PDB file of N, CA and C in Angstrom:
ATOM      1  N   MET A   1      62.268 -30.403 -11.213  1.00  0.00           N
ATOM      2  CA  MET A   1      60.921 -30.908 -11.167  1.00  0.00           C
ATOM      3  C   MET A   1      60.422 -31.120 -12.584  1.00  0.00           C
ATOM      4  N   THR A   2      59.670 -32.127 -12.695  1.00  0.00           N
ATOM      5  CA  THR A   2      59.099 -32.420 -14.005  1.00  0.00           C
ATOM      6  C   THR A   2      57.876 -31.545 -14.206  1.00  0.00           C
ATOM      7  N   ASP A   3      57.388 -31.523 -15.405  1.00  0.00           N
ATOM      8  CA  ASP A   3      56.219 -30.715 -15.720  1.00  0.00           C
ATOM      9  C   ASP A   3      54.993 -31.170 -14.925  1.00  0.00           C
ATOM     10  N   LEU A   4      54.862 -32.447 -14.732  1.00  0.00           N
ATOM     11  CA  LEU A   4      53.722 -32.980 -13.995  1.00  0.00           C
ATOM     12  C   LEU A   4      53.769 -32.542 -12.537  1.00  0.00           C
ATOM     13  N   GLN A   5      54.972 -32.582 -11.945  1.00  0.00           N
ATOM     14  CA  GLN A   5      55.104 -32.158 -10.557  1.00  0.00           C
ATOM     15  C   GLN A   5      54.869 -30.655 -10.429  1.00  0.00           C
ATOM     16  N   THR A   6      55.370 -29.896 -11.362  1.00  0.00           N
ATOM     17  CA  THR A   6      55.170 -28.448 -11.344  1.00  0.00           C
ATOM     18  C   THR A   6      53.681 -28.130 -11.467  1.00  0.00           C
ATOM     19  N   GLN A   7      53.010 -28.799 -12.362  1.00  0.00           N
ATOM     20  CA  GLN A   7      51.574 -28.580 -12.555  1.00  0.00           C
ATOM     21  C   GLN A   7      50.802 -28.942 -11.291  1.00  0.00           C
ATOM     22  N   MET A   8      51.176 -30.044 -10.642  1.00  0.00           N
ATOM     23  CA  MET A   8      50.512 -30.461  -9.424  1.00  0.00           C
ATOM     24  C   MET A   8      50.762 -29.461  -8.304  1.00  0.00           C
ATOM     25  N   HIS A   9      51.974 -28.930  -8.209  1.00  0.00           N
ATOM     26  CA  HIS A   9      52.302 -27.936  -7.195  1.00  0.00           C
ATOM     27  C   HIS A   9      51.475 -26.663  -7.411  1.00  0.00           C
ATOM     28  N   GLU A  10      51.364 -26.228  -8.643  1.00  0.00           N
ATOM     29  CA  GLU A  10      50.570 -25.033  -8.953  1.00  0.00           C
ATOM     30  C   GLU A  10      49.084 -25.268  -8.658  1.00  0.00           C
ATOM     31  N   ASP A  11      48.596 -26.449  -8.981  1.00  0.00           N
ATOM     32  CA  ASP A  11      47.203 -26.776  -8.713  1.00  0.00           C
ATOM     33  C   ASP A  11      46.910 -26.771  -7.211  1.00  0.00           C
ATOM     34  N   ARG A  12      47.844 -27.296  -6.411  1.00  0.00           N
ATOM     35  CA  ARG A  12      47.673 -27.294  -4.955  1.00  0.00           C
ATOM     36  C   ARG A  12      47.662 -25.869  -4.419  1.00  0.00           C
ATOM     37  N   MET A  13      48.522 -25.023  -4.970  1.00  0.00           N
ATOM     38  CA  MET A  13      48.564 -23.631  -4.526  1.00  0.00           C
ATOM     39  C   MET A  13      47.231 -22.932  -4.857  1.00  0.00           C
ATOM     40  N   LEU A  14      46.711 -23.204  -6.052  1.00  0.00           N
ATOM     41  CA  LEU A  14      45.424 -22.624  -6.426  1.00  0.00           C
ATOM     42  C   LEU A  14      44.297 -23.149  -5.532  1.00  0.00           C
ATOM     43  N   ARG A  15      44.370 -24.452  -5.251  1.00  0.00           N
ATOM     44  CA  ARG A  15      43.367 -25.062  -4.385  1.00  0.00           C
ATOM     45  C   ARG A  15      43.415 -24.450  -3.002  1.00  0.00           C
ATOM     46  N   ASP A  16      44.612 -24.301  -2.446  1.00  0.00           N
ATOM     47  CA  ASP A  16      44.760 -23.731  -1.116  1.00  0.00           C
ATOM     48  C   ASP A  16      44.293 -22.268  -1.084  1.00  0.00           C
ATOM     49  N   ALA A  17      44.587 -21.516  -2.140  1.00  0.00           N
ATOM     50  CA  ALA A  17      44.147 -20.122  -2.213  1.00  0.00           C
ATOM     51  C   ALA A  17      42.613 -20.055  -2.267  1.00  0.00           C
ATOM     52  N   ALA A  18      42.006 -20.930  -3.053  1.00  0.00           N
ATOM     53  CA  ALA A  18      40.543 -20.966  -3.143  1.00  0.00           C
ATOM     54  C   ALA A  18      39.931 -21.364  -1.808  1.00  0.00           C
ATOM     55  N   LYS A  19      40.562 -22.308  -1.124  1.00  0.00           N
ATOM     56  CA  LYS A  19      40.077 -22.756   0.183  1.00  0.00           C
ATOM     57  C   LYS A  19      40.133 -21.613   1.188  1.00  0.00           C
ATOM     58  N   ARG A  20      41.244 -20.839   1.176  1.00  0.00           N
ATOM     59  CA  ARG A  20      41.361 -19.692   2.079  1.00  0.00           C
ATOM     60  C   ARG A  20      40.288 -18.642   1.778  1.00  0.00           C
ATOM     61  N   MET A  21      40.004 -18.423   0.485  1.00  0.00           N
ATOM     62  CA  MET A  21      38.974 -17.448   0.117  1.00  0.00           C
ATOM     63  C   MET A  21      37.597 -17.891   0.602  1.00  0.00           C
ATOM     64  N   VAL A  22      37.297 -19.189   0.441  1.00  0.00           N
ATOM     65  CA  VAL A  22      36.002 -19.700   0.889  1.00  0.00           C
ATOM     66  C   VAL A  22      35.890 -19.583   2.399  1.00  0.00           C
ATOM     67  N   LYS A  23      36.968 -19.938   3.121  1.00  0.00           N
ATOM     68  CA  LYS A  23      36.943 -19.838   4.577  1.00  0.00           C
ATOM     69  C   LYS A  23      36.763 -18.391   5.030  1.00  0.00           C
ATOM     70  N   SER A  24      37.436 -17.448   4.369  1.00  0.00           N
ATOM     71  CA  SER A  24      37.288 -16.042   4.757  1.00  0.00           C
ATOM     72  C   SER A  24      35.878 -15.536   4.437  1.00  0.00           C
ATOM     73  N   ASP A  25      35.303 -15.996   3.320  1.00  0.00           N
ATOM     74  CA  ASP A  25      33.933 -15.603   2.999  1.00  0.00           C
ATOM     75  C   ASP A  25      32.946 -16.149   4.021  1.00  0.00           C
ATOM     76  N   VAL A  26      33.143 -17.411   4.419  1.00  0.00           N
ATOM     77  CA  VAL A  26      32.263 -18.016   5.424  1.00  0.00           C
ATOM     78  C   VAL A  26      32.397 -17.274   6.747  1.00  0.00           C
ATOM     79  N   ALA A  27      33.609 -16.926   7.120  1.00  0.00           N
ATOM     80  CA  ALA A  27      33.826 -16.177   8.362  1.00  0.00           C
ATOM     81  C   ALA A  27      33.169 -14.798   8.283  1.00  0.00           C
ATOM     82  N   TYR A  28      33.259 -14.168   7.125  1.00  0.00           N
ATOM     83  CA  TYR A  28      32.636 -12.857   6.947  1.00  0.00           C
ATOM     84  C   TYR A  28      31.120 -12.957   7.089  1.00  0.00           C
ATOM     85  N   VAL A  29      30.534 -13.973   6.452  1.00  0.00           N
ATOM     86  CA  VAL A  29      29.082 -14.136   6.531  1.00  0.00           C
ATOM     87  C   VAL A  29      28.665 -14.445   7.965  1.00  0.00           C
ATOM     88  N   LYS A  30      29.402 -15.280   8.645  1.00  0.00           N
ATOM     89  CA  LYS A  30      29.075 -15.594  10.042  1.00  0.00           C
ATOM     90  C   LYS A  30      29.156 -14.343  10.900  1.00  0.00           C
ATOM     91  N   GLY A  31      30.199 -13.560  10.721  1.00  0.00           N
ATOM     92  CA  GLY A  31      30.334 -12.326  11.490  1.00  0.00           C
ATOM     93  C   GLY A  31      29.246 -11.328  11.141  1.00  0.00           C
ATOM     94  N   ASP A  32      28.920 -11.239   9.879  1.00  0.00           N
ATOM     95  CA  ASP A  32      27.884 -10.316   9.442  1.00  0.00           C
ATOM     96  C   ASP A  32      26.520 -10.754   9.968  1.00  0.00           C
ATOM     97  N   MET A  33      26.260 -12.051   9.980  1.00  0.00           N
ATOM     98  CA  MET A  33      24.985 -12.556  10.489  1.00  0.00           C
ATOM     99  C   MET A  33      24.874 -12.371  11.989  1.00  0.00           C
ATOM    100  N   SER A  34      26.009 -12.426  12.686  1.00  0.00           N
ATOM    101  CA  SER A  34      25.931 -12.236  14.131  1.00  0.00           C
ATOM    102  C   SER A  34      25.659 -10.772  14.456  1.00  0.00           C
ATOM    103  N   CYS A  35      26.118  -9.852  13.599  1.00  0.00           N
ATOM    104  CA  CYS A  35      25.853  -8.432  13.834  1.00  0.00           C
ATOM    105  C   CYS A  35      24.395  -8.100  13.553  1.00  0.00           C
ATOM    106  N   LYS A  36      23.884  -8.626  12.456  1.00  0.00           N
ATOM    107  CA  LYS A  36      22.505  -8.332  12.072  1.00  0.00           C
ATOM    108  C   LYS A  36      21.832  -9.642  11.734  1.00  0.00           C
ATOM    109  N   GLY A  37      20.807  -9.976  12.501  1.00  0.00           N
ATOM    110  CA  GLY A  37      20.124 -11.246  12.319  1.00  0.00           C
ATOM    111  C   GLY A  37      19.227 -11.261  11.094  1.00  0.00           C
ATOM    112  N   LEU A  38      18.566 -12.370  10.939  1.00  0.00           N
ATOM    113  CA  LEU A  38      17.698 -12.575   9.793  1.00  0.00           C
ATOM    114  C   LEU A  38      16.515 -11.605   9.830  1.00  0.00           C
ATOM    115  N   GLY A  39      15.963 -11.374  11.011  1.00  0.00           N
ATOM    116  CA  GLY A  39      14.839 -10.438  11.144  1.00  0.00           C
ATOM    117  C   GLY A  39      15.231  -9.024  10.757  1.00  0.00           C
ATOM    118  N   GLY A  40      16.410  -8.605  11.188  1.00  0.00           N
ATOM    119  CA  GLY A  40      16.894  -7.272  10.833  1.00  0.00           C
ATOM    120  C   GLY A  40      17.087  -7.121   9.345  1.00  0.00           C
ATOM    121  N   ARG A  41      17.609  -8.156   8.722  1.00  0.00           N
ATOM    122  CA  ARG A  41      17.786  -8.126   7.266  1.00  0.00           C
ATOM    123  C   ARG A  41      16.438  -8.063   6.559  1.00  0.00           C
ATOM    124  N   PHE A  42      15.456  -8.806   7.066  1.00  0.00           N
ATOM    125  CA  PHE A  42      14.120  -8.801   6.483  1.00  0.00           C
ATOM    126  C   PHE A  42      13.505  -7.410   6.583  1.00  0.00           C
ATOM    127  N   VAL A  43      13.626  -6.785   7.733  1.00  0.00           N
ATOM    128  CA  VAL A  43      13.087  -5.440   7.927  1.00  0.00           C
ATOM    129  C   VAL A  43      13.777  -4.449   6.990  1.00  0.00           C
ATOM    130  N   ASP A  44      15.082  -4.553   6.858  1.00  0.00           N
ATOM    131  CA  ASP A  44      15.809  -3.658   5.956  1.00  0.00           C
ATOM    132  C   ASP A  44      15.350  -3.826   4.516  1.00  0.00           C
ATOM    133  N   ARG A  45      15.135  -5.060   4.107  1.00  0.00           N
ATOM    134  CA  ARG A  45      14.692  -5.304   2.732  1.00  0.00           C
ATOM    135  C   ARG A  45      13.282  -4.752   2.514  1.00  0.00           C
ATOM    136  N   ILE A  46      12.409  -4.897   3.503  1.00  0.00           N
ATOM    137  CA  ILE A  46      11.053  -4.346   3.408  1.00  0.00           C
ATOM    138  C   ILE A  46      11.113  -2.825   3.328  1.00  0.00           C
ATOM    139  N   LYS A  47      11.958  -2.205   4.151  1.00  0.00           N
ATOM    140  CA  LYS A  47      12.098  -0.743   4.115  1.00  0.00           C
ATOM    141  C   LYS A  47      12.606  -0.278   2.757  1.00  0.00           C
ATOM    142  N   ASP A  48      13.579  -0.981   2.217  1.00  0.00           N
ATOM    143  CA  ASP A  48      14.106  -0.607   0.902  1.00  0.00           C
ATOM    144  C   ASP A  48      13.028  -0.727  -0.173  1.00  0.00           C
ATOM    145  N   GLY A  49      12.245  -1.799  -0.113  1.00  0.00           N
ATOM    146  CA  GLY A  49      11.166  -1.982  -1.080  1.00  0.00           C
ATOM    147  C   GLY A  49      10.106  -0.903  -0.960  1.00  0.00           C
ATOM    148  N   ALA A  50       9.754  -0.548   0.278  1.00  0.00           N
ATOM    149  CA  ALA A  50       8.754   0.499   0.485  1.00  0.00           C
ATOM    150  C   ALA A  50       9.273   1.848   0.012  1.00  0.00           C
ATOM    151  N   SER A  51      10.540   2.104   0.249  1.00  0.00           N
ATOM    152  CA  SER A  51      11.139   3.355  -0.210  1.00  0.00           C
ATOM    153  C   SER A  51      11.131   3.434  -1.732  1.00  0.00           C
ATOM    154  N   GLU A  52      11.471   2.336  -2.381  1.00  0.00           N
ATOM    155  CA  GLU A  52      11.470   2.306  -3.844  1.00  0.00           C
ATOM    156  C   GLU A  52      10.055   2.479  -4.394  1.00  0.00           C
ATOM    157  N   LEU A  53       9.077   1.845  -3.751  1.00  0.00           N
ATOM    158  CA  LEU A  53       7.691   1.989  -4.164  1.00  0.00           C
ATOM    159  C   LEU A  53       7.229   3.430  -4.007  1.00  0.00           C
ATOM    160  N   SER A  54       7.613   4.057  -2.917  1.00  0.00           N
ATOM    161  CA  SER A  54       7.266   5.453  -2.684  1.00  0.00           C
ATOM    162  C   SER A  54       7.871   6.355  -3.752  1.00  0.00           C
ATOM    163  N   ASP A  55       9.122   6.118  -4.090  1.00  0.00           N
ATOM    164  CA  ASP A  55       9.778   6.911  -5.131  1.00  0.00           C
ATOM    165  C   ASP A  55       9.083   6.734  -6.475  1.00  0.00           C
ATOM    166  N   ASN A  56       8.738   5.503  -6.818  1.00  0.00           N
ATOM    167  CA  ASN A  56       8.061   5.239  -8.089  1.00  0.00           C
ATOM    168  C   ASN A  56       6.681   5.890  -8.118  1.00  0.00           C
ATOM    169  N   THR A  57       5.967   5.842  -6.997  1.00  0.00           N
ATOM    170  CA  THR A  57       4.649   6.453  -6.916  1.00  0.00           C
ATOM    171  C   THR A  57       4.746   7.959  -7.072  1.00  0.00           C
ATOM    172  N   HIS A  58       5.726   8.549  -6.414  1.00  0.00           N
ATOM    173  CA  HIS A  58       5.927   9.998  -6.512  1.00  0.00           C
ATOM    174  C   HIS A  58       6.256  10.393  -7.944  1.00  0.00           C
ATOM    175  N   GLU A  59       7.102   9.636  -8.589  1.00  0.00           N
ATOM    176  CA  GLU A  59       7.473   9.921  -9.977  1.00  0.00           C
ATOM    177  C   GLU A  59       6.250   9.807 -10.891  1.00  0.00           C
ATOM    178  N   TYR A  60       5.428   8.781 -10.698  1.00  0.00           N
ATOM    179  CA  TYR A  60       4.229   8.608 -11.517  1.00  0.00           C
ATOM    180  C   TYR A  60       3.261   9.764 -11.300  1.00  0.00           C
ATOM    181  N   ALA A  61       3.080  10.159 -10.038  1.00  0.00           N
ATOM    182  CA  ALA A  61       2.160  11.255  -9.741  1.00  0.00           C
ATOM    183  C   ALA A  61       2.643  12.570 -10.347  1.00  0.00           C
ATOM    184  N   ASP A  62       3.941  12.773 -10.380  1.00  0.00           N
ATOM    185  CA  ASP A  62       4.475  13.991 -10.987  1.00  0.00           C
ATOM    186  C   ASP A  62       4.248  14.019 -12.493  1.00  0.00           C
ATOM    187  N   THR A  63       4.388  12.885 -13.145  1.00  0.00           N
ATOM    188  CA  THR A  63       4.265  12.862 -14.603  1.00  0.00           C
ATOM    189  C   THR A  63       2.819  12.726 -15.071  1.00  0.00           C
ATOM    190  N   HIS A  64       1.909  12.267 -14.219  1.00  0.00           N
ATOM    191  CA  HIS A  64       0.511  12.056 -14.610  1.00  0.00           C
ATOM    192  C   HIS A  64      -0.426  12.779 -13.640  1.00  0.00           C
ATOM    193  N   ARG A  65      -0.242  14.078 -13.512  1.00  0.00           N
ATOM    194  CA  ARG A  65      -1.022  14.849 -12.540  1.00  0.00           C
ATOM    195  C   ARG A  65      -2.523  14.807 -12.823  1.00  0.00           C
ATOM    196  N   ALA A  66      -2.913  14.944 -14.075  1.00  0.00           N
ATOM    197  CA  ALA A  66      -4.339  14.987 -14.411  1.00  0.00           C
ATOM    198  C   ALA A  66      -5.027  13.670 -14.062  1.00  0.00           C
ATOM    199  N   GLN A  67      -4.398  12.551 -14.387  1.00  0.00           N
ATOM    200  CA  GLN A  67      -5.016  11.252 -14.106  1.00  0.00           C
ATOM    201  C   GLN A  67      -5.123  11.019 -12.599  1.00  0.00           C
ATOM    202  N   VAL A  68      -4.089  11.392 -11.869  1.00  0.00           N
ATOM    203  CA  VAL A  68      -4.120  11.194 -10.416  1.00  0.00           C
ATOM    204  C   VAL A  68      -5.185  12.093  -9.793  1.00  0.00           C
ATOM    205  N   GLY A  69      -5.256  13.345 -10.246  1.00  0.00           N
ATOM    206  CA  GLY A  69      -6.271  14.258  -9.721  1.00  0.00           C
ATOM    207  C   GLY A  69      -7.675  13.783 -10.016  1.00  0.00           C
ATOM    208  N   THR A  70      -7.890  13.281 -11.222  1.00  0.00           N
ATOM    209  CA  THR A  70      -9.205  12.750 -11.576  1.00  0.00           C
ATOM    210  C   THR A  70      -9.549  11.542 -10.718  1.00  0.00           C
ATOM    211  N   GLY A  71      -8.583  10.677 -10.510  1.00  0.00           N
ATOM    212  CA  GLY A  71      -8.819   9.503  -9.666  1.00  0.00           C
ATOM    213  C   GLY A  71      -9.179   9.884  -8.241  1.00  0.00           C
ATOM    214  N   ILE A  72      -8.494  10.882  -7.701  1.00  0.00           N
ATOM    215  CA  ILE A  72      -8.786  11.331  -6.337  1.00  0.00           C
ATOM    216  C   ILE A  72     -10.182  11.949  -6.283  1.00  0.00           C
ATOM    217  N   ALA A  73     -10.521  12.763  -7.293  1.00  0.00           N
ATOM    218  CA  ALA A  73     -11.845  13.392  -7.319  1.00  0.00           C
ATOM    219  C   ALA A  73     -12.951  12.336  -7.402  1.00  0.00           C
ATOM    220  N   VAL A  74     -12.751  11.322  -8.225  1.00  0.00           N
ATOM    221  CA  VAL A  74     -13.744  10.252  -8.341  1.00  0.00           C
ATOM    222  C   VAL A  74     -13.870   9.493  -7.021  1.00  0.00           C
ATOM    223  N   ALA A  75     -12.750   9.241  -6.374  1.00  0.00           N
ATOM    224  CA  ALA A  75     -12.785   8.521  -5.092  1.00  0.00           C
ATOM    225  C   ALA A  75     -13.523   9.335  -4.029  1.00  0.00           C
ATOM    226  N   VAL A  76     -13.274  10.640  -3.980  1.00  0.00           N
ATOM    227  CA  VAL A  76     -13.956  11.494  -2.998  1.00  0.00           C
ATOM    228  C   VAL A  76     -15.456  11.543  -3.305  1.00  0.00           C
ATOM    229  N   ALA A  77     -15.800  11.682  -4.587  1.00  0.00           N
ATOM    230  CA  ALA A  77     -17.215  11.706  -4.964  1.00  0.00           C
ATOM    231  C   ALA A  77     -17.897  10.383  -4.614  1.00  0.00           C
ATOM    232  N   ALA A  78     -17.221   9.282  -4.848  1.00  0.00           N
ATOM    233  CA  ALA A  78     -17.788   7.974  -4.508  1.00  0.00           C
ATOM    234  C   ALA A  78     -17.983   7.837  -3.008  1.00  0.00           C
ATOM    235  N   PHE A  79     -17.020   8.331  -2.237  1.00  0.00           N
ATOM    236  CA  PHE A  79     -17.139   8.256  -0.773  1.00  0.00           C
ATOM    237  C   PHE A  79     -18.354   9.034  -0.288  1.00  0.00           C
ATOM    238  N   PHE A  80     -18.479  10.292  -0.754  1.00  0.00           N
ATOM    239  CA  PHE A  80     -19.604  11.100  -0.301  1.00  0.00           C
ATOM    240  C   PHE A  80     -20.926  10.583  -0.875  1.00  0.00           C
ATOM    241  N   GLY A  81     -20.891  10.034  -2.074  1.00  0.00           N
ATOM    242  CA  GLY A  81     -22.094   9.425  -2.629  1.00  0.00           C
ATOM    243  C   GLY A  81     -22.566   8.242  -1.798  1.00  0.00           C
ATOM    244  N   TRP A  82     -21.624   7.458  -1.307  1.00  0.00           N
ATOM    245  CA  TRP A  82     -21.975   6.313  -0.461  1.00  0.00           C
ATOM    246  C   TRP A  82     -22.448   6.780   0.905  1.00  0.00           C
ATOM    247  N   LYS A  83     -21.766   7.760   1.449  1.00  0.00           N
ATOM    248  CA  LYS A  83     -22.107   8.248   2.788  1.00  0.00           C
ATOM    249  C   LYS A  83     -23.509   8.868   2.812  1.00  0.00           C
ATOM    250  N   TYR A  84     -23.866   9.602   1.777  1.00  0.00           N
ATOM    251  CA  TYR A  84     -25.169  10.284   1.724  1.00  0.00           C
ATOM    252  C   TYR A  84     -26.101   9.631   0.702  1.00  0.00           C
ATOM    253  N   ARG A  85     -26.008   8.332   0.555  1.00  0.00           N
ATOM    254  CA  ARG A  85     -26.785   7.631  -0.462  1.00  0.00           C
ATOM    255  C   ARG A  85     -28.286   7.711  -0.208  1.00  0.00           C
ATOM    256  N   GLU A  86     -28.705   7.688   1.039  1.00  0.00           N
ATOM    257  CA  GLU A  86     -30.142   7.732   1.329  1.00  0.00           C
ATOM    258  C   GLU A  86     -30.721   9.099   0.980  1.00  0.00           C
ATOM    259  N   GLN A  87     -30.008  10.155   1.341  1.00  0.00           N
ATOM    260  CA  GLN A  87     -30.487  11.493   1.026  1.00  0.00           C
ATOM    261  C   GLN A  87     -30.509  11.715  -0.487  1.00  0.00           C
ATOM    262  N   LEU A  88     -29.481  11.216  -1.177  1.00  0.00           N
ATOM    263  CA  LEU A  88     -29.448  11.346  -2.633  1.00  0.00           C
ATOM    264  C   LEU A  88     -30.577  10.554  -3.279  1.00  0.00           C
ATOM    265  N   ALA A  89     -30.840   9.368  -2.775  1.00  0.00           N
ATOM    266  CA  ALA A  89     -31.932   8.559  -3.314  1.00  0.00           C
ATOM    267  C   ALA A  89     -33.269   9.261  -3.106  1.00  0.00           C
ATOM    268  N   ASP A  90     -33.457   9.869  -1.941  1.00  0.00           N
ATOM    269  CA  ASP A  90     -34.693  10.619  -1.694  1.00  0.00           C
ATOM    270  C   ASP A  90     -34.816  11.803  -2.634  1.00  0.00           C
ATOM    271  N   ALA A  91     -33.698  12.494  -2.867  1.00  0.00           N
ATOM    272  CA  ALA A  91     -33.723  13.650  -3.768  1.00  0.00           C
ATOM    273  C   ALA A  91     -34.049  13.224  -5.194  1.00  0.00           C
ATOM    274  N   VAL A  92     -33.474  12.127  -5.659  1.00  0.00           N
ATOM    275  CA  VAL A  92     -33.766  11.633  -7.005  1.00  0.00           C
ATOM    276  C   VAL A  92     -35.212  11.173  -7.096  1.00  0.00           C
ATOM    277  N   TYR A  93     -35.694  10.505  -6.071  1.00  0.00           N
ATOM    278  CA  TYR A  93     -37.089  10.076  -6.055  1.00  0.00           C
ATOM    279  C   TYR A  93     -38.016  11.282  -6.132  1.00  0.00           C
ATOM    280  N   ASP A  94     -37.699  12.305  -5.351  1.00  0.00           N
ATOM    281  CA  ASP A  94     -38.522  13.512  -5.358  1.00  0.00           C
ATOM    282  C   ASP A  94     -38.493  14.202  -6.720  1.00  0.00           C
ATOM    283  N   LEU A  95     -37.370  14.117  -7.422  1.00  0.00           N
ATOM    284  CA  LEU A  95     -37.300  14.722  -8.756  1.00  0.00           C
ATOM    285  C   LEU A  95     -38.278  14.075  -9.721  1.00  0.00           C
ATOM    286  N   PHE A  96     -38.385  12.770  -9.654  1.00  0.00           N
ATOM    287  CA  PHE A  96     -39.237  12.057 -10.591  1.00  0.00           C
ATOM    288  C   PHE A  96     -40.685  11.926 -10.111  1.00  0.00           C
ATOM    289  N   HIS A  97     -40.898  12.086  -8.839  1.00  0.00           N
ATOM    290  CA  HIS A  97     -42.249  12.037  -8.270  1.00  0.00           C
ATOM    291  C   HIS A  97     -42.477  13.369  -7.570  1.00  0.00           C
ATOM    292  N   GLU A  98     -42.681  14.386  -8.395  1.00  0.00           N
ATOM    293  CA  GLU A  98     -42.753  15.736  -7.846  1.00  0.00           C
ATOM    294  C   GLU A  98     -43.928  15.875  -6.892  1.00  0.00           C
ATOM    295  N   LYS A  99     -43.645  16.529  -5.802  1.00  0.00           N
ATOM    296  CA  LYS A  99     -44.676  16.821  -4.822  1.00  0.00           C
ATOM    297  C   LYS A  99     -44.811  18.327  -4.753  1.00  0.00           C
ATOM    298  N   THR A 100     -45.975  18.741  -4.452  1.00  0.00           N
ATOM    299  CA  THR A 100     -46.183  20.177  -4.299  1.00  0.00           C
ATOM    300  C   THR A 100     -45.574  20.601  -2.975  1.00  0.00           C
ATOM    301  N   PRO A 101     -45.232  21.858  -2.847  1.00  0.00           N
ATOM    302  CA  PRO A 101     -44.666  22.327  -1.572  1.00  0.00           C
ATOM    303  C   PRO A 101     -45.592  22.070  -0.392  1.00  0.00           C
ATOM    304  N   VAL A 102     -46.890  22.093  -0.618  1.00  0.00           N
ATOM    305  CA  VAL A 102     -47.837  21.827   0.473  1.00  0.00           C
ATOM    306  C   VAL A 102     -47.708  20.385   0.932  1.00  0.00           C
ATOM    307  N   GLU A 103     -47.576  19.447  -0.021  1.00  0.00           N
ATOM    308  CA  GLU A 103     -47.422  18.029   0.336  1.00  0.00           C
ATOM    309  C   GLU A 103     -46.128  17.808   1.114  1.00  0.00           C
ATOM    310  N   LYS A 104     -45.072  18.477   0.688  1.00  0.00           N
ATOM    311  CA  LYS A 104     -43.785  18.338   1.382  1.00  0.00           C
ATOM    312  C   LYS A 104     -43.883  18.840   2.811  1.00  0.00           C
ATOM    313  N   VAL A 105     -44.524  20.004   2.990  1.00  0.00           N
ATOM    314  CA  VAL A 105     -44.656  20.578   4.337  1.00  0.00           C
ATOM    315  C   VAL A 105     -45.535  19.694   5.197  1.00  0.00           C
ATOM    316  N   SER A 106     -46.600  19.154   4.625  1.00  0.00           N
ATOM    317  CA  SER A 106     -47.486  18.304   5.425  1.00  0.00           C
ATOM    318  C   SER A 106     -46.778  17.010   5.830  1.00  0.00           C
ATOM    319  N   GLU A 107     -45.950  16.458   4.937  1.00  0.00           N
ATOM    320  CA  GLU A 107     -45.178  15.260   5.305  1.00  0.00           C
ATOM    321  C   GLU A 107     -44.219  15.562   6.441  1.00  0.00           C
ATOM    322  N   LYS A 108     -43.541  16.690   6.366  1.00  0.00           N
ATOM    323  CA  LYS A 108     -42.604  17.067   7.435  1.00  0.00           C
ATOM    324  C   LYS A 108     -43.347  17.274   8.750  1.00  0.00           C
ATOM    325  N   ALA A 109     -44.523  17.895   8.682  1.00  0.00           N
ATOM    326  CA  ALA A 109     -45.309  18.132   9.895  1.00  0.00           C
ATOM    327  C   ALA A 109     -45.758  16.812  10.505  1.00  0.00           C
ATOM    328  N   GLU A 110     -46.197  15.885   9.652  1.00  0.00           N
ATOM    329  CA  GLU A 110     -46.596  14.566  10.156  1.00  0.00           C
ATOM    330  C   GLU A 110     -45.415  13.844  10.794  1.00  0.00           C
ATOM    331  N   GLN A 111     -44.251  13.953  10.174  1.00  0.00           N
ATOM    332  CA  GLN A 111     -43.060  13.305  10.737  1.00  0.00           C
ATOM    333  C   GLN A 111     -42.709  13.918  12.088  1.00  0.00           C
ATOM    334  N   LEU A 112     -42.773  15.232  12.185  1.00  0.00           N
ATOM    335  CA  LEU A 112     -42.493  15.893  13.469  1.00  0.00           C
ATOM    336  C   LEU A 112     -43.511  15.486  14.523  1.00  0.00           C
ATOM    337  N   ALA A 113     -44.775  15.358  14.130  1.00  0.00           N
ATOM    338  CA  ALA A 113     -45.810  14.947  15.077  1.00  0.00           C
ATOM    339  C   ALA A 113     -45.551  13.532  15.562  1.00  0.00           C
ATOM    340  N   ARG A 114     -45.180  12.630  14.636  1.00  0.00           N
ATOM    341  CA  ARG A 114     -44.868  11.254  15.054  1.00  0.00           C
ATOM    342  C   ARG A 114     -43.674  11.230  16.003  1.00  0.00           C
ATOM    343  N   ASP A 115     -42.656  12.031  15.684  1.00  0.00           N
ATOM    344  CA  ASP A 115     -41.491  12.087  16.568  1.00  0.00           C
ATOM    345  C   ASP A 115     -41.860  12.626  17.941  1.00  0.00           C
ATOM    346  N   ALA A 116     -42.698  13.655  17.987  1.00  0.00           N
ATOM    347  CA  ALA A 116     -43.099  14.240  19.265  1.00  0.00           C
ATOM    348  C   ALA A 116     -43.899  13.225  20.067  1.00  0.00           C
ATOM    349  N   ARG A 117     -44.815  12.490  19.403  1.00  0.00           N
ATOM    350  CA  ARG A 117     -45.596  11.472  20.121  1.00  0.00           C
ATOM    351  C   ARG A 117     -44.684  10.372  20.685  1.00  0.00           C
ATOM    352  N   SER A 118     -43.632  10.056  19.945  1.00  0.00           N
ATOM    353  CA  SER A 118     -42.741   8.988  20.428  1.00  0.00           C
ATOM    354  C   SER A 118     -41.983   9.432  21.678  1.00  0.00           C
ATOM    355  N   TYR A 119     -41.770  10.721  21.823  1.00  0.00           N
ATOM    356  CA  TYR A 119     -41.102  11.212  23.038  1.00  0.00           C
ATOM    357  C   TYR A 119     -42.000  11.079  24.254  1.00  0.00           C
ATOM    358  N   PHE A 120     -43.305  11.276  24.063  1.00  0.00           N
ATOM    359  CA  PHE A 120     -44.227  11.251  25.190  1.00  0.00           C
ATOM    360  C   PHE A 120     -44.732   9.847  25.490  1.00  0.00           C
ATOM    361  N   ASP A 121     -44.624   8.951  24.556  1.00  0.00           N
ATOM    362  CA  ASP A 121     -45.137   7.583  24.773  1.00  0.00           C
ATOM    363  C   ASP A 121     -44.176   6.731  25.509  1.00  0.00           C
TER     364      ASP A 121
END
């Protein structure tokens, strides 16, 4: 065989080997896709991402305990401040517009009287 024929024979062998590899890869992917569909793969990827996020969050919380604790305390204070905002506003108003204990008691008595009248009306 001449060099050209030998080279062509080797090239065909390489081509055929590459073709067999591509066919086996395609068969593998088809078989793998039939075992686990696209939805299953999507769910697995989401689970992996959530797991990684959880690990990163845990690591951050371990290394930055003071900042995380302060953030939680501020969030809890903000929640209770929002929940009891009317009572807090009344307390602040009362601080700056001081009333005597007699005025406070008379206001409460008037409020109770109005409430009692509303029950009977």
